[in-house]
Amino acid sequence: MSFGRPPSINVGFKTSPPDRGSFPLDHDGECKEQMMEYMACLRKNSSESTPCRIMSKQYLDCRMTKGLMERDEWRNLGLANLEGD
């Protein structure tokens, strides 16, 4: 019997991060202001993201500028048709 862990755990199993969508956390709060504005917009709009797309773009731009995620083209992130390029 294995106490303290599920019996289906494979001891030799190795995990690997996804190719895309994994990026460092913002431990120093470098983009906290943009994140808070985006989250406030989501709360105001009942979690509907469409009205908050500009703030999402600003947040992602901050993360890319600060090296918290790889720079990518806006069209790849679904944000190419927004102002502020």
PDB file of N, CA and C in Angstrom:
ATOM      1  N   MET A   1       0.831  -1.187   0.000  1.00  0.00           N
ATOM      2  CA  MET A   1       0.000   0.000   0.000  1.00  0.00           C
ATOM      3  C   MET A   1       0.872   1.247   0.000  1.00  0.00           C
ATOM      4  N   SER A   2       0.378   2.300  -0.598  1.00  0.00           N
ATOM      5  CA  SER A   2       1.147   3.554  -0.599  1.00  0.00           C
ATOM      6  C   SER A   2       0.375   4.614   0.163  1.00  0.00           C
ATOM      7  N   PHE A   3       0.872   4.952   1.325  1.00  0.00           N
ATOM      8  CA  PHE A   3       0.226   5.967   2.141  1.00  0.00           C
ATOM      9  C   PHE A   3       0.791   7.347   1.791  1.00  0.00           C
ATOM     10  N   GLY A   4      -0.079   8.350   1.662  1.00  0.00           N
ATOM     11  CA  GLY A   4       0.372   9.707   1.411  1.00  0.00           C
ATOM     12  C   GLY A   4       0.492  10.085  -0.052  1.00  0.00           C
ATOM     13  N   ARG A   5       0.262   9.146  -0.933  1.00  0.00           N
ATOM     14  CA  ARG A   5       0.274   9.485  -2.357  1.00  0.00           C
ATOM     15  C   ARG A   5      -0.700   8.568  -3.092  1.00  0.00           C
ATOM     16  N   PRO A   6      -1.219   9.055  -4.199  1.00  0.00           N
ATOM     17  CA  PRO A   6      -2.143   8.202  -4.960  1.00  0.00           C
ATOM     18  C   PRO A   6      -1.423   6.960  -5.484  1.00  0.00           C
ATOM     19  N   PRO A   7      -2.087   5.833  -5.526  1.00  0.00           N
ATOM     20  CA  PRO A   7      -1.437   4.601  -5.963  1.00  0.00           C
ATOM     21  C   PRO A   7      -1.044   4.611  -7.438  1.00  0.00           C
ATOM     22  N   SER A   8      -1.587   5.541  -8.222  1.00  0.00           N
ATOM     23  CA  SER A   8      -1.307   5.539  -9.655  1.00  0.00           C
ATOM     24  C   SER A   8      -0.069   6.362 -10.038  1.00  0.00           C
ATOM     25  N   ILE A   9       0.646   6.904  -9.051  1.00  0.00           N
ATOM     26  CA  ILE A   9       1.835   7.715  -9.339  1.00  0.00           C
ATOM     27  C   ILE A   9       2.946   6.803  -9.853  1.00  0.00           C
ATOM     28  N   ASN A  10       3.499   7.187 -10.988  1.00  0.00           N
ATOM     29  CA  ASN A  10       4.625   6.462 -11.554  1.00  0.00           C
ATOM     30  C   ASN A  10       5.895   7.141 -11.055  1.00  0.00           C
ATOM     31  N   VAL A  11       6.717   6.429 -10.320  1.00  0.00           N
ATOM     32  CA  VAL A  11       7.891   7.005  -9.686  1.00  0.00           C
ATOM     33  C   VAL A  11       8.858   7.582 -10.727  1.00  0.00           C
ATOM     34  N   GLY A  12       8.974   7.020 -11.892  1.00  0.00           N
ATOM     35  CA  GLY A  12       9.907   7.477 -12.906  1.00  0.00           C
ATOM     36  C   GLY A  12       9.335   8.511 -13.857  1.00  0.00           C
ATOM     37  N   PHE A  13       8.156   9.001 -13.611  1.00  0.00           N
ATOM     38  CA  PHE A  13       7.497   9.946 -14.520  1.00  0.00           C
ATOM     39  C   PHE A  13       8.145  11.323 -14.439  1.00  0.00           C
ATOM     40  N   LYS A  14       8.512  11.894 -15.582  1.00  0.00           N
ATOM     41  CA  LYS A  14       9.088  13.238 -15.636  1.00  0.00           C
ATOM     42  C   LYS A  14       8.108  14.165 -16.330  1.00  0.00           C
ATOM     43  N   THR A  15       7.931  15.342 -15.762  1.00  0.00           N
ATOM     44  CA  THR A  15       7.060  16.327 -16.386  1.00  0.00           C
ATOM     45  C   THR A  15       7.904  17.308 -17.183  1.00  0.00           C
ATOM     46  N   SER A  16       7.282  17.916 -18.166  1.00  0.00           N
ATOM     47  CA  SER A  16       7.963  18.959 -18.929  1.00  0.00           C
ATOM     48  C   SER A  16       6.970  20.094 -19.160  1.00  0.00           C
ATOM     49  N   PRO A  17       7.447  21.340 -19.146  1.00  0.00           N
ATOM     50  CA  PRO A  17       6.553  22.475 -19.334  1.00  0.00           C
ATOM     51  C   PRO A  17       6.027  22.517 -20.766  1.00  0.00           C
ATOM     52  N   PRO A  18       4.892  23.160 -20.976  1.00  0.00           N
ATOM     53  CA  PRO A  18       4.362  23.281 -22.331  1.00  0.00           C
ATOM     54  C   PRO A  18       5.281  24.161 -23.180  1.00  0.00           C
ATOM     55  N   ASP A  19       5.250  23.939 -24.497  1.00  0.00           N
ATOM     56  CA  ASP A  19       6.060  24.743 -25.403  1.00  0.00           C
ATOM     57  C   ASP A  19       5.635  26.202 -25.380  1.00  0.00           C
ATOM     58  N   ARG A  20       4.366  26.428 -25.197  1.00  0.00           N
ATOM     59  CA  ARG A  20       3.833  27.781 -25.246  1.00  0.00           C
ATOM     60  C   ARG A  20       2.891  27.984 -24.066  1.00  0.00           C
ATOM     61  N   GLY A  21       2.876  29.181 -23.523  1.00  0.00           N
ATOM     62  CA  GLY A  21       1.946  29.474 -22.448  1.00  0.00           C
ATOM     63  C   GLY A  21       2.557  29.375 -21.066  1.00  0.00           C
ATOM     64  N   SER A  22       3.824  29.034 -20.990  1.00  0.00           N
ATOM     65  CA  SER A  22       4.487  28.967 -19.695  1.00  0.00           C
ATOM     66  C   SER A  22       5.499  30.103 -19.624  1.00  0.00           C
ATOM     67  N   PHE A  23       5.380  30.937 -18.612  1.00  0.00           N
ATOM     68  CA  PHE A  23       6.309  32.058 -18.476  1.00  0.00           C
ATOM     69  C   PHE A  23       6.498  32.376 -17.006  1.00  0.00           C
ATOM     70  N   PRO A  24       7.595  33.062 -16.681  1.00  0.00           N
ATOM     71  CA  PRO A  24       7.887  33.352 -15.270  1.00  0.00           C
ATOM     72  C   PRO A  24       6.819  34.215 -14.605  1.00  0.00           C
ATOM     73  N   LEU A  25       6.623  33.984 -13.330  1.00  0.00           N
ATOM     74  CA  LEU A  25       5.720  34.828 -12.556  1.00  0.00           C
ATOM     75  C   LEU A  25       6.360  36.189 -12.342  1.00  0.00           C
ATOM     76  N   ASP A  26       5.546  37.171 -12.133  1.00  0.00           N
ATOM     77  CA  ASP A  26       6.012  38.541 -11.931  1.00  0.00           C
ATOM     78  C   ASP A  26       6.226  38.771 -10.432  1.00  0.00           C
ATOM     79  N   HIS A  27       7.253  38.122  -9.880  1.00  0.00           N
ATOM     80  CA  HIS A  27       7.500  38.192  -8.438  1.00  0.00           C
ATOM     81  C   HIS A  27       7.771  39.610  -7.944  1.00  0.00           C
ATOM     82  N   ASP A  28       8.375  40.438  -8.787  1.00  0.00           N
ATOM     83  CA  ASP A  28       8.722  41.800  -8.381  1.00  0.00           C
ATOM     84  C   ASP A  28       7.614  42.806  -8.664  1.00  0.00           C
ATOM     85  N   GLY A  29       6.502  42.363  -9.220  1.00  0.00           N
ATOM     86  CA  GLY A  29       5.366  43.249  -9.478  1.00  0.00           C
ATOM     87  C   GLY A  29       5.634  44.286 -10.559  1.00  0.00           C
ATOM     88  N   GLU A  30       6.490  43.954 -11.513  1.00  0.00           N
ATOM     89  CA  GLU A  30       6.844  44.901 -12.565  1.00  0.00           C
ATOM     90  C   GLU A  30       5.654  45.290 -13.433  1.00  0.00           C
ATOM     91  N   CYS A  31       4.707  44.383 -13.581  1.00  0.00           N
ATOM     92  CA  CYS A  31       3.529  44.642 -14.420  1.00  0.00           C
ATOM     93  C   CYS A  31       2.237  44.580 -13.600  1.00  0.00           C
ATOM     94  N   LYS A  32       2.358  44.783 -12.299  1.00  0.00           N
ATOM     95  CA  LYS A  32       1.202  44.672 -11.405  1.00  0.00           C
ATOM     96  C   LYS A  32       0.125  45.699 -11.736  1.00  0.00           C
ATOM     97  N   GLU A  33       0.528  46.923 -12.048  1.00  0.00           N
ATOM     98  CA  GLU A  33      -0.453  47.968 -12.354  1.00  0.00           C
ATOM     99  C   GLU A  33      -1.316  47.576 -13.554  1.00  0.00           C
ATOM    100  N   GLN A  34      -0.688  47.098 -14.615  1.00  0.00           N
ATOM    101  CA  GLN A  34      -1.438  46.685 -15.804  1.00  0.00           C
ATOM    102  C   GLN A  34      -2.325  45.482 -15.501  1.00  0.00           C
ATOM    103  N   MET A  35      -1.805  44.557 -14.705  1.00  0.00           N
ATOM    104  CA  MET A  35      -2.584  43.376 -14.351  1.00  0.00           C
ATOM    105  C   MET A  35      -3.815  43.759 -13.527  1.00  0.00           C
ATOM    106  N   MET A  36      -3.635  44.686 -12.573  1.00  0.00           N
ATOM    107  CA  MET A  36      -4.748  45.111 -11.726  1.00  0.00           C
ATOM    108  C   MET A  36      -5.819  45.840 -12.542  1.00  0.00           C
ATOM    109  N   GLU A  37      -5.394  46.655 -13.504  1.00  0.00           N
ATOM    110  CA  GLU A  37      -6.359  47.334 -14.373  1.00  0.00           C
ATOM    111  C   GLU A  37      -7.150  46.324 -15.190  1.00  0.00           C
ATOM    112  N   TYR A  38      -6.460  45.322 -15.708  1.00  0.00           N
ATOM    113  CA  TYR A  38      -7.128  44.277 -16.488  1.00  0.00           C
ATOM    114  C   TYR A  38      -8.113  43.490 -15.621  1.00  0.00           C
ATOM    115  N   MET A  39      -7.687  43.109 -14.425  1.00  0.00           N
ATOM    116  CA  MET A  39      -8.564  42.350 -13.524  1.00  0.00           C
ATOM    117  C   MET A  39      -9.773  43.177 -13.099  1.00  0.00           C
ATOM    118  N   ALA A  40      -9.581  44.472 -12.850  1.00  0.00           N
ATOM    119  CA  ALA A  40     -10.698  45.349 -12.492  1.00  0.00           C
ATOM    120  C   ALA A  40     -11.682  45.441 -13.654  1.00  0.00           C
ATOM    121  N   CYS A  41     -11.164  45.505 -14.861  1.00  0.00           N
ATOM    122  CA  CYS A  41     -12.030  45.552 -16.046  1.00  0.00           C
ATOM    123  C   CYS A  41     -12.848  44.262 -16.155  1.00  0.00           C
ATOM    124  N   LEU A  42     -12.214  43.124 -15.924  1.00  0.00           N
ATOM    125  CA  LEU A  42     -12.941  41.848 -15.970  1.00  0.00           C
ATOM    126  C   LEU A  42     -14.047  41.811 -14.920  1.00  0.00           C
ATOM    127  N   ARG A  43     -13.746  42.266 -13.703  1.00  0.00           N
ATOM    128  CA  ARG A  43     -14.769  42.285 -12.646  1.00  0.00           C
ATOM    129  C   ARG A  43     -15.930  43.203 -13.045  1.00  0.00           C
ATOM    130  N   LYS A  44     -15.596  44.359 -13.574  1.00  0.00           N
ATOM    131  CA  LYS A  44     -16.617  45.329 -13.975  1.00  0.00           C
ATOM    132  C   LYS A  44     -17.509  44.780 -15.086  1.00  0.00           C
ATOM    133  N   ASN A  45     -16.946  43.929 -15.935  1.00  0.00           N
ATOM    134  CA  ASN A  45     -17.668  43.411 -17.097  1.00  0.00           C
ATOM    135  C   ASN A  45     -18.067  41.946 -16.943  1.00  0.00           C
ATOM    136  N   SER A  46     -18.273  41.500 -15.726  1.00  0.00           N
ATOM    137  CA  SER A  46     -18.716  40.132 -15.431  1.00  0.00           C
ATOM    138  C   SER A  46     -17.865  39.074 -16.134  1.00  0.00           C
ATOM    139  N   SER A  47     -16.559  39.266 -16.090  1.00  0.00           N
ATOM    140  CA  SER A  47     -15.572  38.349 -16.668  1.00  0.00           C
ATOM    141  C   SER A  47     -15.638  38.263 -18.190  1.00  0.00           C
ATOM    142  N   GLU A  48     -16.292  39.199 -18.823  1.00  0.00           N
ATOM    143  CA  GLU A  48     -16.316  39.271 -20.291  1.00  0.00           C
ATOM    144  C   GLU A  48     -15.036  39.970 -20.735  1.00  0.00           C
ATOM    145  N   SER A  49     -14.191  39.287 -21.479  1.00  0.00           N
ATOM    146  CA  SER A  49     -12.870  39.819 -21.815  1.00  0.00           C
ATOM    147  C   SER A  49     -12.864  40.797 -22.991  1.00  0.00           C
ATOM    148  N   THR A  50     -13.864  40.767 -23.833  1.00  0.00           N
ATOM    149  CA  THR A  50     -13.866  41.626 -25.028  1.00  0.00           C
ATOM    150  C   THR A  50     -13.682  43.109 -24.705  1.00  0.00           C
ATOM    151  N   PRO A  51     -14.402  43.679 -23.739  1.00  0.00           N
ATOM    152  CA  PRO A  51     -14.191  45.099 -23.450  1.00  0.00           C
ATOM    153  C   PRO A  51     -12.822  45.405 -22.830  1.00  0.00           C
ATOM    154  N   CYS A  52     -12.098  44.378 -22.444  1.00  0.00           N
ATOM    155  CA  CYS A  52     -10.825  44.560 -21.735  1.00  0.00           C
ATOM    156  C   CYS A  52      -9.615  44.233 -22.611  1.00  0.00           C
ATOM    157  N   ARG A  53      -9.811  44.092 -23.901  1.00  0.00           N
ATOM    158  CA  ARG A  53      -8.725  43.664 -24.784  1.00  0.00           C
ATOM    159  C   ARG A  53      -7.564  44.665 -24.810  1.00  0.00           C
ATOM    160  N   ILE A  54      -7.855  45.962 -24.760  1.00  0.00           N
ATOM    161  CA  ILE A  54      -6.784  46.964 -24.756  1.00  0.00           C
ATOM    162  C   ILE A  54      -5.909  46.776 -23.510  1.00  0.00           C
ATOM    163  N   MET A  55      -6.541  46.547 -22.368  1.00  0.00           N
ATOM    164  CA  MET A  55      -5.793  46.343 -21.128  1.00  0.00           C
ATOM    165  C   MET A  55      -5.005  45.037 -21.168  1.00  0.00           C
ATOM    166  N   SER A  56      -5.571  44.029 -21.806  1.00  0.00           N
ATOM    167  CA  SER A  56      -4.853  42.770 -21.973  1.00  0.00           C
ATOM    168  C   SER A  56      -3.593  42.992 -22.809  1.00  0.00           C
ATOM    169  N   LYS A  57      -3.723  43.773 -23.865  1.00  0.00           N
ATOM    170  CA  LYS A  57      -2.581  44.074 -24.719  1.00  0.00           C
ATOM    171  C   LYS A  57      -1.525  44.869 -23.952  1.00  0.00           C
ATOM    172  N   GLN A  58      -1.957  45.811 -23.142  1.00  0.00           N
ATOM    173  CA  GLN A  58      -1.014  46.604 -22.341  1.00  0.00           C
ATOM    174  C   GLN A  58      -0.272  45.715 -21.346  1.00  0.00           C
ATOM    175  N   TYR A  59      -0.992  44.783 -20.741  1.00  0.00           N
ATOM    176  CA  TYR A  59      -0.380  43.867 -19.788  1.00  0.00           C
ATOM    177  C   TYR A  59       0.646  42.964 -20.476  1.00  0.00           C
ATOM    178  N   LEU A  60       0.264  42.393 -21.611  1.00  0.00           N
ATOM    179  CA  LEU A  60       1.188  41.521 -22.328  1.00  0.00           C
ATOM    180  C   LEU A  60       2.395  42.300 -22.848  1.00  0.00           C
ATOM    181  N   ASP A  61       2.163  43.541 -23.280  1.00  0.00           N
ATOM    182  CA  ASP A  61       3.273  44.374 -23.737  1.00  0.00           C
ATOM    183  C   ASP A  61       4.252  44.618 -22.589  1.00  0.00           C
ATOM    184  N   CYS A  62       3.747  44.890 -21.403  1.00  0.00           N
ATOM    185  CA  CYS A  62       4.603  45.084 -20.237  1.00  0.00           C
ATOM    186  C   CYS A  62       5.421  43.823 -19.974  1.00  0.00           C
ATOM    187  N   ARG A  63       4.778  42.663 -19.998  1.00  0.00           N
ATOM    188  CA  ARG A  63       5.476  41.404 -19.747  1.00  0.00           C
ATOM    189  C   ARG A  63       6.567  41.160 -20.784  1.00  0.00           C
ATOM    190  N   MET A  64       6.276  41.460 -22.044  1.00  0.00           N
ATOM    191  CA  MET A  64       7.279  41.252 -23.091  1.00  0.00           C
ATOM    192  C   MET A  64       8.428  42.243 -22.935  1.00  0.00           C
ATOM    193  N   THR A  65       8.114  43.495 -22.621  1.00  0.00           N
ATOM    194  CA  THR A  65       9.128  44.533 -22.454  1.00  0.00           C
ATOM    195  C   THR A  65      10.053  44.217 -21.282  1.00  0.00           C
ATOM    196  N   LYS A  66       9.500  43.679 -20.213  1.00  0.00           N
ATOM    197  CA  LYS A  66      10.282  43.378 -19.003  1.00  0.00           C
ATOM    198  C   LYS A  66      10.945  42.004 -19.045  1.00  0.00           C
ATOM    199  N   GLY A  67      10.758  41.277 -20.149  1.00  0.00           N
ATOM    200  CA  GLY A  67      11.384  39.960 -20.286  1.00  0.00           C
ATOM    201  C   GLY A  67      10.705  38.865 -19.501  1.00  0.00           C
ATOM    202  N   LEU A  68       9.437  39.061 -19.145  1.00  0.00           N
ATOM    203  CA  LEU A  68       8.690  38.046 -18.399  1.00  0.00           C
ATOM    204  C   LEU A  68       8.002  37.050 -19.321  1.00  0.00           C
ATOM    205  N   MET A  69       8.055  37.310 -20.604  1.00  0.00           N
ATOM    206  CA  MET A  69       7.593  36.363 -21.616  1.00  0.00           C
ATOM    207  C   MET A  69       8.284  36.722 -22.919  1.00  0.00           C
ATOM    208  N   GLU A  70       8.367  35.755 -23.814  1.00  0.00           N
ATOM    209  CA  GLU A  70       8.995  36.022 -25.103  1.00  0.00           C
ATOM    210  C   GLU A  70       8.154  36.990 -25.907  1.00  0.00           C
ATOM    211  N   ARG A  71       8.827  37.866 -26.642  1.00  0.00           N
ATOM    212  CA  ARG A  71       8.114  38.791 -27.510  1.00  0.00           C
ATOM    213  C   ARG A  71       7.487  37.982 -28.630  1.00  0.00           C
ATOM    214  N   ASP A  72       6.255  38.308 -28.933  1.00  0.00           N
ATOM    215  CA  ASP A  72       5.525  37.642 -30.008  1.00  0.00           C
ATOM    216  C   ASP A  72       4.758  38.702 -30.776  1.00  0.00           C
ATOM    217  N   GLU A  73       4.370  38.372 -31.979  1.00  0.00           N
ATOM    218  CA  GLU A  73       3.601  39.315 -32.783  1.00  0.00           C
ATOM    219  C   GLU A  73       2.171  39.356 -32.266  1.00  0.00           C
ATOM    220  N   TRP A  74       1.582  40.553 -32.325  1.00  0.00           N
ATOM    221  CA  TRP A  74       0.223  40.739 -31.815  1.00  0.00           C
ATOM    222  C   TRP A  74      -0.770  39.850 -32.538  1.00  0.00           C
ATOM    223  N   ARG A  75      -0.553  39.608 -33.821  1.00  0.00           N
ATOM    224  CA  ARG A  75      -1.500  38.759 -34.558  1.00  0.00           C
ATOM    225  C   ARG A  75      -1.483  37.325 -34.011  1.00  0.00           C
ATOM    226  N   ASN A  76      -0.332  36.879 -33.523  1.00  0.00           N
ATOM    227  CA  ASN A  76      -0.253  35.544 -32.927  1.00  0.00           C
ATOM    228  C   ASN A  76      -0.970  35.477 -31.580  1.00  0.00           C
ATOM    229  N   LEU A  77      -1.117  36.635 -30.944  1.00  0.00           N
ATOM    230  CA  LEU A  77      -1.793  36.693 -29.640  1.00  0.00           C
ATOM    231  C   LEU A  77      -3.261  37.107 -29.779  1.00  0.00           C
ATOM    232  N   GLY A  78      -3.719  37.313 -31.022  1.00  0.00           N
ATOM    233  CA  GLY A  78      -5.100  37.683 -31.259  1.00  0.00           C
ATOM    234  C   GLY A  78      -5.406  39.139 -30.949  1.00  0.00           C
ATOM    235  N   LEU A  79      -4.380  39.984 -30.974  1.00  0.00           N
ATOM    236  CA  LEU A  79      -4.567  41.371 -30.589  1.00  0.00           C
ATOM    237  C   LEU A  79      -4.058  42.355 -31.659  1.00  0.00           C
ATOM    238  N   ALA A  80      -3.923  41.902 -32.892  1.00  0.00           N
ATOM    239  CA  ALA A  80      -3.350  42.738 -33.956  1.00  0.00           C
ATOM    240  C   ALA A  80      -4.252  43.891 -34.358  1.00  0.00           C
ATOM    241  N   ASN A  81      -5.543  43.761 -34.194  1.00  0.00           N
ATOM    242  CA  ASN A  81      -6.466  44.790 -34.671  1.00  0.00           C
ATOM    243  C   ASN A  81      -6.735  45.883 -33.628  1.00  0.00           C
ATOM    244  N   LEU A  82      -5.953  45.911 -32.559  1.00  0.00           N
ATOM    245  CA  LEU A  82      -6.145  46.929 -31.520  1.00  0.00           C
ATOM    246  C   LEU A  82      -5.132  48.051 -31.670  1.00  0.00           C
ATOM    247  N   GLU A  83      -5.493  49.235 -31.218  1.00  0.00           N
ATOM    248  CA  GLU A  83      -4.557  50.358 -31.244  1.00  0.00           C
ATOM    249  C   GLU A  83      -3.433  50.141 -30.238  1.00  0.00           C
ATOM    250  N   GLY A  84      -2.390  50.924 -30.382  1.00  0.00           N
ATOM    251  CA  GLY A  84      -1.291  50.864 -29.420  1.00  0.00           C
ATOM    252  C   GLY A  84      -0.160  49.970 -29.825  1.00  0.00           C
ATOM    253  N   ASP A  85      -0.002  49.712 -31.124  1.00  0.00           N
ATOM    254  CA  ASP A  85       1.124  48.885 -31.584  1.00  0.00           C
ATOM    255  C   ASP A  85       2.432  49.581 -31.415  1.00  0.00           C
TER     256      ASP A  85
END
